[in-house]
Structure formats: structure tokens, C-alpha cells
Amino acid sequence: MRFSRKSLGIPYAVFLLLFVIAPLLVLFYYAFTDGSGQFTLMNLTGFFMNPNTMGTMVYSFALATVTTVVCVALAYPLSYILATSRIKAKTLVIMIFVMPMWINFSLRITAMKEILSSIEGNLAMHPFLNAVIGMTYDFLPFMILPIYTAIAKLDPAYLEAAEDLGANPRSAFFKVTLPLSMPGVISGVMMVFLPAMTNYVVLDMLYNSTYIMGSLIGSYFAAYNWHGGSMIALILLGIICLFTYLSDTREDASARGGAVL
């Protein structure tokens, strides 16, 4: 019995309809209506007029930005050394960094909390720093893997061509390796920055009482304010779509531009 492409695509269409399109329609409905079901923009204007919600967004951006910068600063040198070295245990070293991902998330953060408590004495004294350390520990493997893959797949002929043209190792790195590895860096940034904006569990477990976007949405729904919570979720979805579009554009530009010798 032969199946056409359209018939094989029916299960995926049903899945998208039930679990993607339908929830988005519900989200849009609550975001642009009030308690009586009437269309309104008060939820949208209220978000930008409320200093608490805007402060939460700024704090979320700051926390996600610092976490992402720290992850890049740690992951790129490590990935570069592993990808360009001749050691035989590359896979083992990568697995060591990936292994924490196999352990339950709560157990990992609880272990980190105990370590920070023994070092600092009082976790509540450094809430922002604790959140950055906890998120860096949690998201670092997501930055290492794409950067390592991008550098490991680089054609050695590019570096040989750079050397033939008189480039020293430093120039070859900045004009060949770094530009060609940017797609991996961009992928890692996307995998770290966006989750770091909403992952409030790390903050809660490390005694950071400040809201971020994820906890703010949860507080609205817990208070049965589905309209305000849906609007915040929709705004966050728009931010994610914007960052995804910008990263795809930047990645395409890097692919077209290639190395500059």
C-alpha cells in the first residue's frame, strides 16, 4: 500500500494544529481581550507603562546577557583548544562537559547551591552573581557543543592558504577561524540567551527573589490574570522570534561572507 506525500503529512499537520496553532490562538485571544471578552490594547500598553514589568524585562536581559557573555568567554577557548589539538581524548573531554546534562536539573542546581554556600557563607548576599554562576553551569554545554562542532569542521586548507599569503597565526585566527566559526557562536548564543531570560528555577533555588520573565508570567497566571500573563508571554514570543530572525540573518551573512584574508 503506497502513501502519497500529502497523506504522510497529515499526522504532522494535526500535531501543528492542536499543539502549536491552537495554543497560539488562545494566547492571542486572551492577550487582546479583557475580562468581558472585549477587544482591548490595555494589556499591551499596561505592560510598557508598568515599571515593575519593564524592570523585570531589563533585569532578565541583563542576567541573560551576562550569562551568555560568560559562557562564550569560557566555551570558545576550550572549544578552540579541543578542536585544534591533536590529543586523542577529545571525545572524552567533551563528554565530561556534557555529562552534567544527564543528571537531574534540580540535583545539579542543589549541588551548586551547596558549593556556593560553602564559599560565600550566605547565598542571599550575592543574588545576581549566584544566578549567573548557576545559569552558566547549567547552559555552558549548550555553548561548547556548537562552537566545537563549527571549529572542528573547518577546512584546514583555509589556514594553509592564509599562511601562504603571509598571515601569522594571530591574523589567521581573527581573519579565518573566528569568522568561519561565528555560526557556531550564534547557535550557542541562541541556545543560552533565550532560556536564560525565562529560567526562574535557578533563581528560586539560589535565593534570588527578583522576578525574571518566566516567573513574572507564572505569577500572572497564578493570580488568574490570564489576559496580562498572555500578553507578557506574547511579547516574550515576539522577542524570541526577533532574535531568531536576526541570528539567522547574521548566520547567512557569515556563510556568504566566509573568511576575509
C-alpha atoms as a PDB file:
ATOM      1  CA  MET A   1       0.000   0.000   0.000  1.00  0.00           C
ATOM      2  CA  ARG A   2       1.552   3.271  -1.129  1.00  0.00           C
ATOM      3  CA  PHE A   3       1.045   6.579   0.616  1.00  0.00           C
ATOM      4  CA  SER A   4       1.291   9.978  -1.014  1.00  0.00           C
ATOM      5  CA  ARG A   5       3.308  12.812   0.490  1.00  0.00           C
ATOM      6  CA  LYS A   6       0.121  14.631   1.462  1.00  0.00           C
ATOM      7  CA  SER A   7      -1.235  11.647   3.369  1.00  0.00           C
ATOM      8  CA  LEU A   8       2.085  11.161   5.179  1.00  0.00           C
ATOM      9  CA  GLY A   9       1.993  14.806   6.216  1.00  0.00           C
ATOM     10  CA  ILE A  10      -1.455  14.582   7.826  1.00  0.00           C
ATOM     11  CA  PRO A  11      -0.180  13.494  11.304  1.00  0.00           C
ATOM     12  CA  TYR A  12       2.266  16.413  11.373  1.00  0.00           C
ATOM     13  CA  ALA A  13      -0.441  18.838  10.255  1.00  0.00           C
ATOM     14  CA  VAL A  14      -2.741  17.597  13.021  1.00  0.00           C
ATOM     15  CA  PHE A  15       0.052  17.949  15.563  1.00  0.00           C
ATOM     16  CA  LEU A  16       0.799  21.521  14.461  1.00  0.00           C
ATOM     17  CA  LEU A  17      -2.875  22.396  14.540  1.00  0.00           C
ATOM     18  CA  LEU A  18      -3.513  21.013  18.028  1.00  0.00           C
ATOM     19  CA  PHE A  19      -0.268  21.855  19.815  1.00  0.00           C
ATOM     20  CA  VAL A  20       1.069  24.945  18.008  1.00  0.00           C
ATOM     21  CA  ILE A  21      -1.646  26.880  16.177  1.00  0.00           C
ATOM     22  CA  ALA A  22      -4.484  26.312  18.665  1.00  0.00           C
ATOM     23  CA  PRO A  23      -2.448  27.369  21.753  1.00  0.00           C
ATOM     24  CA  LEU A  24      -1.211  30.448  19.882  1.00  0.00           C
ATOM     25  CA  LEU A  25      -4.781  31.410  19.006  1.00  0.00           C
ATOM     26  CA  VAL A  26      -5.771  31.070  22.656  1.00  0.00           C
ATOM     27  CA  LEU A  27      -2.759  33.175  23.639  1.00  0.00           C
ATOM     28  CA  PHE A  28      -3.696  35.897  21.162  1.00  0.00           C
ATOM     29  CA  TYR A  29      -7.326  35.825  22.320  1.00  0.00           C
ATOM     30  CA  TYR A  30      -6.527  36.379  25.985  1.00  0.00           C
ATOM     31  CA  ALA A  31      -3.761  38.892  25.227  1.00  0.00           C
ATOM     32  CA  PHE A  32      -6.065  41.218  23.296  1.00  0.00           C
ATOM     33  CA  THR A  33      -9.258  40.876  25.331  1.00  0.00           C
ATOM     34  CA  ASP A  34     -10.388  41.953  28.771  1.00  0.00           C
ATOM     35  CA  GLY A  35     -12.357  40.098  31.419  1.00  0.00           C
ATOM     36  CA  SER A  36     -15.599  40.541  29.495  1.00  0.00           C
ATOM     37  CA  GLY A  37     -14.129  39.220  26.237  1.00  0.00           C
ATOM     38  CA  GLN A  38     -13.984  42.634  24.551  1.00  0.00           C
ATOM     39  CA  PHE A  39     -11.066  43.607  22.347  1.00  0.00           C
ATOM     40  CA  THR A  40      -8.576  45.874  24.109  1.00  0.00           C
ATOM     41  CA  LEU A  41      -4.981  47.090  23.914  1.00  0.00           C
ATOM     42  CA  MET A  42      -4.795  47.808  27.636  1.00  0.00           C
ATOM     43  CA  ASN A  43      -2.814  44.635  28.262  1.00  0.00           C
ATOM     44  CA  LEU A  44      -0.180  45.777  25.772  1.00  0.00           C
ATOM     45  CA  THR A  45       0.040  49.380  26.950  1.00  0.00           C
ATOM     46  CA  GLY A  46      -0.138  48.263  30.571  1.00  0.00           C
ATOM     47  CA  PHE A  47       2.980  46.165  30.129  1.00  0.00           C
ATOM     48  CA  PHE A  48       5.072  49.080  28.880  1.00  0.00           C
ATOM     49  CA  MET A  49       3.532  51.552  31.346  1.00  0.00           C
ATOM     50  CA  ASN A  50       4.121  49.346  34.382  1.00  0.00           C
ATOM     51  CA  PRO A  51       7.574  49.974  35.915  1.00  0.00           C
ATOM     52  CA  ASN A  52       7.555  46.532  37.553  1.00  0.00           C
ATOM     53  CA  THR A  53       7.130  44.633  34.284  1.00  0.00           C
ATOM     54  CA  MET A  54       9.651  46.833  32.471  1.00  0.00           C
ATOM     55  CA  GLY A  55      12.101  46.426  35.341  1.00  0.00           C
ATOM     56  CA  THR A  56      11.656  42.665  35.132  1.00  0.00           C
ATOM     57  CA  MET A  57      12.408  42.731  31.405  1.00  0.00           C
ATOM     58  CA  VAL A  58      15.538  44.847  31.939  1.00  0.00           C
ATOM     59  CA  TYR A  59      16.723  42.535  34.714  1.00  0.00           C
ATOM     60  CA  SER A  60      16.041  39.482  32.540  1.00  0.00           C
ATOM     61  CA  PHE A  61      18.022  40.997  29.658  1.00  0.00           C
ATOM     62  CA  ALA A  62      20.907  41.897  31.960  1.00  0.00           C
ATOM     63  CA  LEU A  63      21.035  38.443  33.529  1.00  0.00           C
ATOM     64  CA  ALA A  64      20.784  36.664  30.174  1.00  0.00           C
ATOM     65  CA  THR A  65      23.408  38.937  28.596  1.00  0.00           C
ATOM     66  CA  VAL A  66      25.958  38.460  31.383  1.00  0.00           C
ATOM     67  CA  THR A  67      25.350  34.709  31.420  1.00  0.00           C
ATOM     68  CA  THR A  68      25.789  34.487  27.648  1.00  0.00           C
ATOM     69  CA  VAL A  69      28.990  36.562  27.671  1.00  0.00           C
ATOM     70  CA  VAL A  70      30.487  34.400  30.422  1.00  0.00           C
ATOM     71  CA  CYS A  71      29.524  31.219  28.553  1.00  0.00           C
ATOM     72  CA  VAL A  72      31.133  32.475  25.339  1.00  0.00           C
ATOM     73  CA  ALA A  73      34.283  33.558  27.203  1.00  0.00           C
ATOM     74  CA  LEU A  74      34.616  30.098  28.749  1.00  0.00           C
ATOM     75  CA  ALA A  75      33.399  27.962  25.855  1.00  0.00           C
ATOM     76  CA  TYR A  76      35.268  29.449  22.897  1.00  0.00           C
ATOM     77  CA  PRO A  77      38.857  28.981  24.172  1.00  0.00           C
ATOM     78  CA  LEU A  78      38.029  25.481  25.378  1.00  0.00           C
ATOM     79  CA  SER A  79      36.339  24.540  22.108  1.00  0.00           C
ATOM     80  CA  TYR A  80      39.183  26.010  20.068  1.00  0.00           C
ATOM     81  CA  ILE A  81      41.851  24.143  22.047  1.00  0.00           C
ATOM     82  CA  LEU A  82      39.983  20.858  21.797  1.00  0.00           C
ATOM     83  CA  ALA A  83      39.167  21.230  18.107  1.00  0.00           C
ATOM     84  CA  THR A  84      42.695  22.203  17.026  1.00  0.00           C
ATOM     85  CA  SER A  85      44.733  19.989  19.353  1.00  0.00           C
ATOM     86  CA  ARG A  86      45.981  16.524  18.487  1.00  0.00           C
ATOM     87  CA  ILE A  87      45.015  14.838  21.728  1.00  0.00           C
ATOM     88  CA  LYS A  88      43.238  11.535  21.324  1.00  0.00           C
ATOM     89  CA  ALA A  89      40.846  12.071  24.226  1.00  0.00           C
ATOM     90  CA  LYS A  90      38.794  14.873  22.634  1.00  0.00           C
ATOM     91  CA  THR A  91      35.587  12.877  22.805  1.00  0.00           C
ATOM     92  CA  LEU A  92      36.218  12.047  26.460  1.00  0.00           C
ATOM     93  CA  VAL A  93      36.795  15.701  27.381  1.00  0.00           C
ATOM     94  CA  ILE A  94      33.630  16.786  25.554  1.00  0.00           C
ATOM     95  CA  MET A  95      31.696  14.027  27.291  1.00  0.00           C
ATOM     96  CA  ILE A  96      32.930  15.285  30.681  1.00  0.00           C
ATOM     97  CA  PHE A  97      31.345  18.677  29.974  1.00  0.00           C
ATOM     98  CA  VAL A  98      28.158  17.094  28.631  1.00  0.00           C
ATOM     99  CA  MET A  99      27.736  14.558  31.456  1.00  0.00           C
ATOM    100  CA  PRO A 100      26.109  17.046  33.882  1.00  0.00           C
ATOM    101  CA  MET A 101      23.258  17.355  31.375  1.00  0.00           C
ATOM    102  CA  TRP A 102      22.442  13.698  32.034  1.00  0.00           C
ATOM    103  CA  ILE A 103      21.839  14.412  35.730  1.00  0.00           C
ATOM    104  CA  ASN A 104      18.544  15.771  37.019  1.00  0.00           C
ATOM    105  CA  PHE A 105      18.392  19.570  36.788  1.00  0.00           C
ATOM    106  CA  SER A 106      17.313  20.055  40.408  1.00  0.00           C
ATOM    107  CA  LEU A 107      20.126  17.865  41.702  1.00  0.00           C
ATOM    108  CA  ARG A 108      22.717  19.837  39.734  1.00  0.00           C
ATOM    109  CA  ILE A 109      21.498  23.206  40.985  1.00  0.00           C
ATOM    110  CA  THR A 110      21.214  21.880  44.555  1.00  0.00           C
ATOM    111  CA  ALA A 111      24.829  20.730  44.377  1.00  0.00           C
ATOM    112  CA  MET A 112      25.858  24.140  43.041  1.00  0.00           C
ATOM    113  CA  LYS A 113      23.949  25.817  45.874  1.00  0.00           C
ATOM    114  CA  GLU A 114      25.877  23.798  48.451  1.00  0.00           C
ATOM    115  CA  ILE A 115      29.174  24.698  46.804  1.00  0.00           C
ATOM    116  CA  LEU A 116      28.304  28.402  46.719  1.00  0.00           C
ATOM    117  CA  SER A 117      27.111  28.267  50.339  1.00  0.00           C
ATOM    118  CA  SER A 118      30.422  26.814  51.478  1.00  0.00           C
ATOM    119  CA  ILE A 119      32.351  29.506  49.568  1.00  0.00           C
ATOM    120  CA  GLU A 120      30.233  32.588  50.239  1.00  0.00           C
ATOM    121  CA  GLY A 121      28.624  31.664  53.526  1.00  0.00           C
ATOM    122  CA  ASN A 122      25.328  33.413  52.722  1.00  0.00           C
ATOM    123  CA  LEU A 123      23.793  32.954  49.299  1.00  0.00           C
ATOM    124  CA  ALA A 124      21.325  35.792  49.806  1.00  0.00           C
ATOM    125  CA  MET A 125      24.160  38.317  49.795  1.00  0.00           C
ATOM    126  CA  HIS A 126      25.018  37.798  46.125  1.00  0.00           C
ATOM    127  CA  PRO A 127      21.738  37.023  44.293  1.00  0.00           C
ATOM    128  CA  PHE A 128      22.746  38.269  40.827  1.00  0.00           C
ATOM    129  CA  LEU A 129      26.183  36.634  40.966  1.00  0.00           C
ATOM    130  CA  ASN A 130      24.668  33.372  42.176  1.00  0.00           C
ATOM    131  CA  ALA A 131      22.165  33.401  39.312  1.00  0.00           C
ATOM    132  CA  VAL A 132      24.921  33.996  36.744  1.00  0.00           C
ATOM    133  CA  ILE A 133      27.053  31.185  38.173  1.00  0.00           C
ATOM    134  CA  GLY A 134      24.114  28.790  38.317  1.00  0.00           C
ATOM    135  CA  MET A 135      22.941  29.546  34.778  1.00  0.00           C
ATOM    136  CA  THR A 136      26.477  29.406  33.403  1.00  0.00           C
ATOM    137  CA  TYR A 137      26.918  26.000  34.975  1.00  0.00           C
ATOM    138  CA  ASP A 138      23.598  24.866  33.538  1.00  0.00           C
ATOM    139  CA  PHE A 139      23.950  26.273  29.996  1.00  0.00           C
ATOM    140  CA  LEU A 140      27.707  26.033  29.341  1.00  0.00           C
ATOM    141  CA  PRO A 141      27.471  22.674  27.480  1.00  0.00           C
ATOM    142  CA  PHE A 142      24.960  24.243  25.067  1.00  0.00           C
ATOM    143  CA  MET A 143      27.615  26.804  24.165  1.00  0.00           C
ATOM    144  CA  ILE A 144      30.537  24.400  23.958  1.00  0.00           C
ATOM    145  CA  LEU A 145      28.998  21.865  21.584  1.00  0.00           C
ATOM    146  CA  PRO A 146      28.037  24.150  18.646  1.00  0.00           C
ATOM    147  CA  ILE A 147      31.295  26.134  18.832  1.00  0.00           C
ATOM    148  CA  TYR A 148      33.387  22.966  18.990  1.00  0.00           C
ATOM    149  CA  THR A 149      31.481  21.478  16.050  1.00  0.00           C
ATOM    150  CA  ALA A 150      31.907  24.644  13.970  1.00  0.00           C
ATOM    151  CA  ILE A 151      35.665  24.841  14.583  1.00  0.00           C
ATOM    152  CA  ALA A 152      36.251  21.092  14.144  1.00  0.00           C
ATOM    153  CA  LYS A 153      34.562  21.176  10.728  1.00  0.00           C
ATOM    154  CA  LEU A 154      36.718  23.998   9.359  1.00  0.00           C
ATOM    155  CA  ASP A 155      38.705  23.035   6.282  1.00  0.00           C
ATOM    156  CA  PRO A 156      42.456  23.186   7.107  1.00  0.00           C
ATOM    157  CA  ALA A 157      43.024  24.410   3.554  1.00  0.00           C
ATOM    158  CA  TYR A 158      41.779  27.858   4.612  1.00  0.00           C
ATOM    159  CA  LEU A 159      44.515  28.192   7.221  1.00  0.00           C
ATOM    160  CA  GLU A 160      47.108  26.870   4.804  1.00  0.00           C
ATOM    161  CA  ALA A 161      46.004  29.465   2.260  1.00  0.00           C
ATOM    162  CA  ALA A 162      46.272  32.178   4.919  1.00  0.00           C
ATOM    163  CA  GLU A 163      49.811  31.090   5.755  1.00  0.00           C
ATOM    164  CA  ASP A 164      50.755  31.077   2.064  1.00  0.00           C
ATOM    165  CA  LEU A 165      49.504  34.658   1.830  1.00  0.00           C
ATOM    166  CA  GLY A 166      51.739  35.695   4.708  1.00  0.00           C
ATOM    167  CA  ALA A 167      49.300  35.666   7.609  1.00  0.00           C
ATOM    168  CA  ASN A 168      50.749  34.907  11.028  1.00  0.00           C
ATOM    169  CA  PRO A 169      48.829  32.597  13.425  1.00  0.00           C
ATOM    170  CA  ARG A 170      47.107  35.548  15.111  1.00  0.00           C
ATOM    171  CA  SER A 171      45.927  37.057  11.826  1.00  0.00           C
ATOM    172  CA  ALA A 172      44.826  33.657  10.570  1.00  0.00           C
ATOM    173  CA  PHE A 173      42.713  33.176  13.682  1.00  0.00           C
ATOM    174  CA  PHE A 174      40.972  36.567  13.527  1.00  0.00           C
ATOM    175  CA  LYS A 175      40.502  36.574   9.746  1.00  0.00           C
ATOM    176  CA  VAL A 176      39.788  32.906   9.091  1.00  0.00           C
ATOM    177  CA  THR A 177      38.936  30.791  12.140  1.00  0.00           C
ATOM    178  CA  LEU A 178      36.855  33.324  14.048  1.00  0.00           C
ATOM    179  CA  PRO A 179      34.648  34.451  11.115  1.00  0.00           C
ATOM    180  CA  LEU A 180      34.051  30.885   9.941  1.00  0.00           C
ATOM    181  CA  SER A 181      33.171  29.729  13.463  1.00  0.00           C
ATOM    182  CA  MET A 182      30.621  32.501  14.005  1.00  0.00           C
ATOM    183  CA  PRO A 183      27.649  30.285  13.005  1.00  0.00           C
ATOM    184  CA  GLY A 184      28.545  28.037  15.937  1.00  0.00           C
ATOM    185  CA  VAL A 185      28.864  31.017  18.255  1.00  0.00           C
ATOM    186  CA  ILE A 186      25.497  32.382  17.114  1.00  0.00           C
ATOM    187  CA  SER A 187      23.840  28.998  17.640  1.00  0.00           C
ATOM    188  CA  GLY A 188      25.335  28.798  21.122  1.00  0.00           C
ATOM    189  CA  VAL A 189      24.180  32.320  21.959  1.00  0.00           C
ATOM    190  CA  MET A 190      20.640  31.471  20.904  1.00  0.00           C
ATOM    191  CA  MET A 191      20.673  28.284  22.987  1.00  0.00           C
ATOM    192  CA  VAL A 192      21.862  30.165  26.080  1.00  0.00           C
ATOM    193  CA  PHE A 193      20.434  33.695  25.903  1.00  0.00           C
ATOM    194  CA  LEU A 194      16.775  32.890  25.302  1.00  0.00           C
ATOM    195  CA  PRO A 195      16.412  30.177  28.004  1.00  0.00           C
ATOM    196  CA  ALA A 196      18.389  32.336  30.461  1.00  0.00           C
ATOM    197  CA  MET A 197      15.719  35.040  30.140  1.00  0.00           C
ATOM    198  CA  THR A 198      12.989  32.731  31.425  1.00  0.00           C
ATOM    199  CA  ASN A 199      14.654  30.089  33.611  1.00  0.00           C
ATOM    200  CA  TYR A 200      13.436  31.260  37.008  1.00  0.00           C
ATOM    201  CA  VAL A 201      14.041  27.896  38.705  1.00  0.00           C
ATOM    202  CA  VAL A 202      17.757  28.664  39.073  1.00  0.00           C
ATOM    203  CA  LEU A 203      16.953  31.998  40.701  1.00  0.00           C
ATOM    204  CA  ASP A 204      14.483  30.416  43.121  1.00  0.00           C
ATOM    205  CA  MET A 205      16.878  27.659  44.148  1.00  0.00           C
ATOM    206  CA  LEU A 206      19.772  30.087  44.639  1.00  0.00           C
ATOM    207  CA  TYR A 207      17.751  32.513  46.765  1.00  0.00           C
ATOM    208  CA  ASN A 208      17.358  35.226  44.136  1.00  0.00           C
ATOM    209  CA  SER A 209      13.942  36.728  44.836  1.00  0.00           C
ATOM    210  CA  THR A 210      13.992  39.001  41.768  1.00  0.00           C
ATOM    211  CA  TYR A 211      11.473  38.160  39.061  1.00  0.00           C
ATOM    212  CA  ILE A 212      12.515  37.384  35.503  1.00  0.00           C
ATOM    213  CA  MET A 213      10.202  36.971  32.548  1.00  0.00           C
ATOM    214  CA  GLY A 214       9.350  33.330  33.226  1.00  0.00           C
ATOM    215  CA  SER A 215       8.463  33.864  36.878  1.00  0.00           C
ATOM    216  CA  LEU A 216       6.544  37.048  36.000  1.00  0.00           C
ATOM    217  CA  ILE A 217       4.317  35.140  33.570  1.00  0.00           C
ATOM    218  CA  GLY A 218       3.784  32.445  36.165  1.00  0.00           C
ATOM    219  CA  SER A 219       2.767  34.997  38.797  1.00  0.00           C
ATOM    220  CA  TYR A 220       0.138  36.484  36.470  1.00  0.00           C
ATOM    221  CA  PHE A 221      -1.429  33.116  35.749  1.00  0.00           C
ATOM    222  CA  ALA A 222      -1.237  32.122  39.418  1.00  0.00           C
ATOM    223  CA  ALA A 223      -3.252  35.255  40.191  1.00  0.00           C
ATOM    224  CA  TYR A 224      -5.782  34.235  37.485  1.00  0.00           C
ATOM    225  CA  ASN A 225      -4.829  37.236  35.364  1.00  0.00           C
ATOM    226  CA  TRP A 226      -4.739  35.254  32.143  1.00  0.00           C
ATOM    227  CA  HIS A 227      -5.039  38.349  29.986  1.00  0.00           C
ATOM    228  CA  GLY A 228      -1.960  40.098  31.393  1.00  0.00           C
ATOM    229  CA  GLY A 229       0.020  36.847  31.507  1.00  0.00           C
ATOM    230  CA  SER A 230      -0.863  36.029  27.908  1.00  0.00           C
ATOM    231  CA  MET A 231       0.261  39.467  26.741  1.00  0.00           C
ATOM    232  CA  ILE A 232       3.624  39.119  28.519  1.00  0.00           C
ATOM    233  CA  ALA A 233       4.043  35.644  27.011  1.00  0.00           C
ATOM    234  CA  LEU A 234       3.182  37.058  23.574  1.00  0.00           C
ATOM    235  CA  ILE A 235       5.713  39.886  23.965  1.00  0.00           C
ATOM    236  CA  LEU A 236       8.359  37.377  25.002  1.00  0.00           C
ATOM    237  CA  LEU A 237       7.456  35.228  21.993  1.00  0.00           C
ATOM    238  CA  GLY A 238       7.925  38.273  19.758  1.00  0.00           C
ATOM    239  CA  ILE A 239      11.351  38.929  21.283  1.00  0.00           C
ATOM    240  CA  ILE A 240      12.353  35.309  20.693  1.00  0.00           C
ATOM    241  CA  CYS A 241      11.178  35.474  17.065  1.00  0.00           C
ATOM    242  CA  LEU A 242      13.117  38.720  16.551  1.00  0.00           C
ATOM    243  CA  PHE A 243      16.316  37.273  17.970  1.00  0.00           C
ATOM    244  CA  THR A 244      15.873  34.126  15.899  1.00  0.00           C
ATOM    245  CA  TYR A 245      15.415  36.181  12.735  1.00  0.00           C
ATOM    246  CA  LEU A 246      18.460  38.354  13.485  1.00  0.00           C
ATOM    247  CA  SER A 247      20.605  35.320  14.270  1.00  0.00           C
ATOM    248  CA  ASP A 248      19.545  33.572  11.058  1.00  0.00           C
ATOM    249  CA  THR A 249      20.328  36.727   9.086  1.00  0.00           C
ATOM    250  CA  ARG A 250      23.730  37.031  10.741  1.00  0.00           C
ATOM    251  CA  GLU A 251      24.457  33.344  10.184  1.00  0.00           C
ATOM    252  CA  ASP A 252      23.534  33.599   6.499  1.00  0.00           C
ATOM    253  CA  ALA A 253      25.754  36.663   6.136  1.00  0.00           C
ATOM    254  CA  SER A 254      28.643  34.783   7.759  1.00  0.00           C
ATOM    255  CA  ALA A 255      28.119  31.848   5.432  1.00  0.00           C
ATOM    256  CA  ARG A 256      28.099  34.110   2.375  1.00  0.00           C
ATOM    257  CA  GLY A 257      30.998  36.249   3.513  1.00  0.00           C
ATOM    258  CA  GLY A 258      33.263  33.438   4.608  1.00  0.00           C
ATOM    259  CA  ALA A 259      36.828  34.182   5.637  1.00  0.00           C
ATOM    260  CA  VAL A 260      38.461  37.500   4.871  1.00  0.00           C
ATOM    261  CA  LEU A 261      42.139  37.145   4.068  1.00  0.00           C
END
